[in-house]
Amino acid sequence: MLTNFGEEIVEIDDAHAQPILDVLKQLTGITIPVQKKMMVVFRLRKRLAELDTPLSDYVARVRHDRREQQTFINLLTTNETSFFRTLRVWKYFREQFLPEFLASKASEILRVWSAAASTGEEAGSIAMSCHDFQLSHPSFRFQVLATDVDTEVLAKAESGVYSAKTIDKLRETDPEMFRRYFKENRDGLHEIDAQLKSKIKFATHNLMESPRLLAPQHIVFLRNVLIYFREQEQMTILKQIGSTMAPGTILILGESESISALETPFAFVQPQIYRKLA
């Protein structure tokens, strides 16, 4: 049973936790094991208190209220990210992918999709890398698509405003890039350059659904998200992602993710890097 004193969740058993986990999987495809039930209830505790409702009634509400479904998704999705996370990925992108793209597709606009964008650090890293490349290759053009199922983090990404805590590592490791692309606003927060931000388009997207993109993507960043899905859902997501990519284009995954054992339209290139098959 669940005991609820205001926002304090004291106890919940598997039978009462499973329905909420089932709804999350139904809406997003994300599988959370019942062993992590208290994490789920902890994230929902304030919402339950706001609505003054027990968990069992809240499950019923989420099933039938589309607006509440989005609130529910926002509360339960994980959004951990940082600028230029995993340096070897950015070394590959800057030193290998971008020069190869320009050499083989000089007349095309590079289209990059950050498919689990969270609060926008990855999309910002992509845009900064592309703009730096453009400084030495003026004919190079690019656009970035940043999507996420969580509307709250996507709104933060679209604002392009970050706290010192978020930006400190970039400021320490690459102060020149930090000065070039960020300015401090009146609130003491750091705002990404407006011209750079104009290169990023933001949109809500559920990875389990068919993407509605205007043009094929040349490279897709899908990092640290497949780990939250079971194999069948992973293959569904990869099929959907692959439908937006031409043969030879690139998919980038997270450090702990591998899809070599799955039936997918991608071939291994190097750790974290996969190439779309014909």
Protein backbone atom coordinates (compact mmCIF):
# COMPACT_ATOMS: atom_id res chain seq x y z
CA MET A 1 0.00 0.00 0.00
CA LEU A 2 0.90 3.67 -0.34
CA THR A 3 0.96 5.91 2.70
CA ASN A 4 0.96 9.60 1.81
CA PHE A 5 1.45 12.39 4.34
CA GLY A 6 1.40 15.60 2.24
CA GLU A 7 4.43 15.23 -0.01
CA GLU A 8 6.04 12.45 2.05
CA ILE A 9 5.70 8.99 0.53
CA VAL A 10 6.28 6.34 3.18
CA GLU A 11 5.52 2.97 1.60
CA ILE A 12 4.26 1.38 -1.62
CA ASP A 13 4.05 -2.24 -2.69
CA ASP A 14 4.65 -3.74 -6.14
CA ALA A 15 0.96 -4.23 -6.88
CA HIS A 16 0.24 -0.51 -6.43
CA ALA A 17 3.38 0.59 -8.28
CA GLN A 18 2.97 -1.56 -11.40
CA PRO A 19 0.00 0.33 -12.94
CA ILE A 20 1.94 3.61 -13.01
CA LEU A 21 4.93 1.86 -14.61
CA ASP A 22 2.61 0.30 -17.18
CA VAL A 23 1.16 3.71 -18.10
CA LEU A 24 4.64 5.17 -18.55
CA LYS A 25 5.59 2.32 -20.89
CA GLN A 26 2.33 2.70 -22.81
CA LEU A 27 2.86 6.44 -23.33
CA THR A 28 6.61 6.53 -24.01
CA GLY A 29 7.93 2.98 -24.41
CA ILE A 30 10.23 3.55 -21.42
CA THR A 31 10.54 0.57 -19.09
CA ILE A 32 11.28 1.20 -15.42
CA PRO A 33 11.66 -1.97 -13.31
CA VAL A 34 9.39 -2.29 -10.30
CA GLN A 35 12.51 -2.33 -8.11
CA LYS A 36 12.79 1.41 -8.81
CA LYS A 37 9.21 2.09 -7.73
CA MET A 38 10.19 4.50 -4.94
CA MET A 39 12.12 6.68 -7.40
CA VAL A 40 8.94 6.97 -9.47
CA VAL A 41 6.75 7.80 -6.49
CA PHE A 42 9.34 10.29 -5.22
CA ARG A 43 9.14 12.17 -8.52
CA LEU A 44 5.32 12.16 -8.41
CA ARG A 45 4.92 13.12 -4.76
CA LYS A 46 4.48 16.88 -5.27
CA ARG A 47 1.98 16.37 -8.07
CA LEU A 48 -0.06 13.97 -5.92
CA ALA A 49 -0.08 16.56 -3.14
CA GLU A 50 -1.11 19.34 -5.54
CA LEU A 51 -4.06 17.28 -6.77
CA ASP A 52 -4.76 15.86 -3.28
CA THR A 53 -5.19 12.43 -4.80
CA PRO A 54 -3.88 8.92 -4.06
CA LEU A 55 -1.68 7.17 -6.60
CA SER A 56 -4.44 4.80 -7.73
CA ASP A 57 -6.73 7.70 -8.69
CA TYR A 58 -3.86 9.52 -10.36
CA VAL A 59 -3.19 6.52 -12.61
CA ALA A 60 -6.80 6.65 -13.81
CA ARG A 61 -6.48 10.39 -14.45
CA VAL A 62 -3.32 9.98 -16.51
CA ARG A 63 -4.94 7.29 -18.63
CA HIS A 64 -7.73 9.64 -19.76
CA ASP A 65 -6.39 13.20 -19.46
CA ARG A 66 -4.05 14.12 -22.33
CA ARG A 67 -2.83 17.29 -20.62
CA GLU A 68 -1.99 15.37 -17.46
CA GLN A 69 -0.19 12.78 -19.58
CA GLN A 70 2.37 15.39 -20.62
CA THR A 71 2.85 16.52 -17.00
CA PHE A 72 3.31 12.88 -16.02
CA ILE A 73 5.90 12.31 -18.78
CA ASN A 74 7.78 15.47 -17.79
CA LEU A 75 8.00 14.29 -14.17
CA LEU A 76 9.26 10.79 -14.94
CA THR A 77 11.74 11.27 -17.78
CA THR A 78 15.45 11.55 -16.93
CA ASN A 79 17.30 14.62 -18.22
CA GLU A 80 21.00 14.44 -17.39
CA THR A 81 23.29 16.16 -19.88
CA SER A 82 26.20 18.59 -20.27
CA PHE A 83 28.03 20.56 -22.94
CA PHE A 84 30.45 18.44 -24.98
CA ARG A 85 29.77 15.31 -22.98
CA THR A 86 32.14 12.45 -23.94
CA LEU A 87 35.02 14.22 -25.69
CA ARG A 88 35.77 11.43 -28.17
CA VAL A 89 32.34 11.95 -29.75
CA TRP A 90 33.10 15.60 -30.39
CA LYS A 91 36.60 14.83 -31.64
CA TYR A 92 35.02 12.48 -34.21
CA PHE A 93 32.33 15.01 -35.15
CA ARG A 94 34.71 17.94 -35.57
CA GLU A 95 37.80 16.28 -36.99
CA GLN A 96 36.34 13.49 -39.11
CA PHE A 97 32.63 13.84 -39.79
CA LEU A 98 32.45 17.55 -40.66
CA PRO A 99 35.45 17.57 -43.07
CA GLU A 100 34.19 14.39 -44.77
CA PHE A 101 30.71 15.83 -45.12
CA LEU A 102 31.97 19.05 -46.70
CA ALA A 103 34.25 17.13 -49.07
CA SER A 104 31.47 14.84 -50.31
CA LYS A 105 28.36 17.07 -50.03
CA ALA A 106 29.65 20.62 -50.39
CA SER A 107 26.43 21.91 -51.95
CA GLU A 108 24.14 20.50 -49.23
CA ILE A 109 23.06 21.94 -45.90
CA LEU A 110 24.17 19.66 -43.07
CA ARG A 111 21.12 18.47 -41.12
CA VAL A 112 21.80 17.25 -37.59
CA TRP A 113 19.19 15.80 -35.24
CA SER A 114 19.64 15.80 -31.47
CA ALA A 115 16.93 13.23 -30.83
CA ALA A 116 16.86 13.32 -27.03
CA ALA A 117 17.81 16.95 -26.56
CA SER A 118 16.87 17.43 -22.90
CA THR A 119 17.81 21.00 -21.84
CA GLY A 120 19.73 21.67 -25.04
CA GLU A 121 23.40 21.25 -24.11
CA GLU A 122 23.94 18.65 -26.84
CA ALA A 123 22.21 20.73 -29.53
CA GLY A 124 24.24 23.75 -28.41
CA SER A 125 27.45 21.73 -28.60
CA ILE A 126 26.54 20.64 -32.13
CA ALA A 127 25.80 24.21 -33.21
CA MET A 128 29.01 25.59 -31.67
CA SER A 129 31.07 22.87 -33.37
CA CYS A 130 29.42 23.56 -36.71
CA HIS A 131 29.85 27.33 -36.42
CA ASP A 132 33.53 26.93 -35.53
CA PHE A 133 33.94 24.76 -38.63
CA GLN A 134 32.07 27.35 -40.68
CA LEU A 135 34.54 30.07 -39.60
CA SER A 136 37.29 28.31 -41.55
CA HIS A 137 34.96 26.95 -44.27
CA PRO A 138 32.58 29.83 -45.20
CA SER A 139 30.66 27.76 -47.76
CA PHE A 140 29.59 25.26 -45.08
CA ARG A 141 25.94 25.51 -43.98
CA PHE A 142 24.08 23.67 -41.24
CA GLN A 143 20.86 23.35 -39.27
CA VAL A 144 20.14 21.49 -36.04
CA LEU A 145 16.88 19.85 -34.97
CA ALA A 146 16.48 19.33 -31.21
CA THR A 147 13.60 17.17 -29.97
CA ASP A 148 12.48 15.67 -26.67
CA VAL A 149 9.33 14.10 -25.24
CA ASP A 150 9.59 16.34 -22.13
CA THR A 151 8.08 19.76 -22.89
CA GLU A 152 9.52 21.43 -19.77
CA VAL A 153 13.16 20.65 -20.54
CA LEU A 154 12.58 21.51 -24.19
CA ALA A 155 11.30 24.95 -23.18
CA LYS A 156 14.48 25.47 -21.17
CA ALA A 157 16.54 24.35 -24.16
CA GLU A 158 14.74 26.80 -26.40
CA SER A 159 15.42 29.66 -23.97
CA GLY A 160 19.16 29.04 -24.33
CA VAL A 161 19.76 30.28 -20.78
CA TYR A 162 22.00 28.32 -18.41
CA SER A 163 23.21 28.62 -14.81
CA ALA A 164 26.85 28.92 -13.84
CA LYS A 165 26.79 25.31 -12.58
CA THR A 166 25.78 24.05 -16.04
CA ILE A 167 28.28 26.16 -17.90
CA ASP A 168 31.28 26.02 -15.53
CA LYS A 169 32.95 22.99 -17.12
CA LEU A 170 32.84 24.53 -20.59
CA ARG A 171 34.16 27.83 -19.25
CA GLU A 172 37.09 26.01 -17.60
CA THR A 173 37.98 23.65 -20.46
CA ASP A 174 37.45 26.02 -23.40
CA PRO A 175 37.26 29.64 -22.20
CA GLU A 176 37.63 31.01 -25.74
CA MET A 177 34.57 29.09 -26.95
CA PHE A 178 32.66 30.15 -23.84
CA ARG A 179 33.40 33.84 -24.51
CA ARG A 180 32.52 33.47 -28.18
CA TYR A 181 29.10 31.91 -27.70
CA PHE A 182 27.78 32.98 -24.29
CA LYS A 183 26.98 36.26 -22.59
CA GLU A 184 25.85 36.96 -19.05
CA ASN A 185 22.36 38.41 -18.67
CA ARG A 186 20.91 40.69 -15.98
CA ASP A 187 20.07 37.73 -13.75
CA GLY A 188 23.65 36.46 -13.72
CA LEU A 189 22.75 33.56 -16.00
CA HIS A 190 24.51 32.72 -19.26
CA GLU A 191 22.68 33.00 -22.56
CA ILE A 192 23.77 31.31 -25.76
CA ASP A 193 24.44 33.58 -28.74
CA ALA A 194 21.20 34.52 -30.52
CA GLN A 195 22.60 33.95 -34.00
CA LEU A 196 23.80 30.49 -33.01
CA LYS A 197 20.46 29.68 -31.38
CA SER A 198 18.68 30.61 -34.61
CA LYS A 199 20.36 27.59 -36.21
CA ILE A 200 18.51 25.25 -33.83
CA LYS A 201 14.87 24.26 -34.30
CA PHE A 202 13.08 22.81 -31.27
CA ALA A 203 10.13 20.38 -31.39
CA THR A 204 8.38 17.86 -29.15
CA HIS A 205 8.80 14.27 -30.31
CA ASN A 206 8.16 10.83 -28.81
CA LEU A 207 10.83 8.41 -30.06
CA MET A 208 8.29 5.59 -30.25
CA GLU A 209 6.34 7.52 -32.89
CA SER A 210 7.14 8.07 -36.54
CA PRO A 211 9.18 11.28 -36.95
CA ARG A 212 7.71 13.99 -39.15
CA LEU A 213 10.85 15.56 -40.57
CA LEU A 214 10.99 17.71 -43.67
CA ALA A 215 14.24 16.29 -45.01
CA PRO A 216 16.56 13.31 -44.37
CA GLN A 217 19.12 13.77 -41.61
CA HIS A 218 22.86 13.41 -42.23
CA ILE A 219 23.74 12.57 -38.62
CA VAL A 220 21.61 11.72 -35.58
CA PHE A 221 22.68 11.99 -31.95
CA LEU A 222 20.70 9.45 -29.90
CA ARG A 223 22.83 9.28 -26.80
CA ASN A 224 22.04 7.77 -23.41
CA VAL A 225 18.37 7.13 -24.12
CA LEU A 226 18.13 3.55 -25.44
CA ILE A 227 19.21 2.27 -22.02
CA TYR A 228 15.73 3.15 -20.74
CA PHE A 229 14.02 0.84 -23.26
CA ARG A 230 13.80 -2.92 -23.71
CA GLU A 231 15.19 -4.58 -26.83
CA GLN A 232 11.89 -4.58 -28.75
CA GLU A 233 11.33 -0.89 -28.10
CA GLN A 234 14.97 -0.16 -28.96
CA MET A 235 14.51 -1.80 -32.36
CA THR A 236 11.31 0.17 -32.92
CA ILE A 237 13.06 3.45 -32.11
CA LEU A 238 16.03 2.61 -34.34
CA LYS A 239 13.71 1.73 -37.20
CA GLN A 240 11.92 5.06 -36.79
CA ILE A 241 15.22 6.95 -36.60
CA GLY A 242 16.57 5.06 -39.60
CA SER A 243 13.55 6.08 -41.68
CA THR A 244 14.87 9.68 -41.58
CA MET A 245 18.38 8.75 -42.73
CA ALA A 246 19.89 7.98 -46.12
CA PRO A 247 22.39 5.12 -46.58
CA GLY A 248 25.84 6.06 -45.30
CA THR A 249 24.66 8.61 -42.76
CA ILE A 250 25.76 8.44 -39.13
CA LEU A 251 24.11 7.53 -35.82
CA ILE A 252 25.81 8.35 -32.51
CA LEU A 253 24.87 6.51 -29.30
CA GLY A 254 25.88 6.81 -25.63
CA GLU A 255 28.96 5.31 -23.99
CA SER A 256 27.10 2.36 -22.41
CA GLU A 257 24.92 1.60 -25.44
CA SER A 258 25.52 -1.01 -28.14
CA ILE A 259 23.11 -2.16 -30.84
CA SER A 260 25.33 -4.69 -32.62
CA ALA A 261 23.28 -7.62 -31.26
CA LEU A 262 19.97 -6.13 -32.44
CA GLU A 263 18.30 -6.31 -35.83
CA THR A 264 18.70 -2.72 -37.00
CA PRO A 265 19.49 -0.81 -40.20
CA PHE A 266 22.87 0.25 -38.78
CA ALA A 267 26.41 -1.12 -38.94
CA PHE A 268 29.14 -0.64 -36.33
CA VAL A 269 31.89 1.83 -37.26
CA GLN A 270 33.62 2.43 -33.92
CA PRO A 271 32.43 2.67 -30.30
CA GLN A 272 29.29 4.83 -30.20
CA ILE A 273 29.36 5.40 -33.99
CA TYR A 274 27.11 3.50 -36.45
CA ARG A 275 26.48 3.91 -40.16
CA LYS A 276 23.08 3.61 -41.84
CA LEU A 277 22.86 0.66 -44.22
CA ALA A 278 21.16 0.68 -47.61
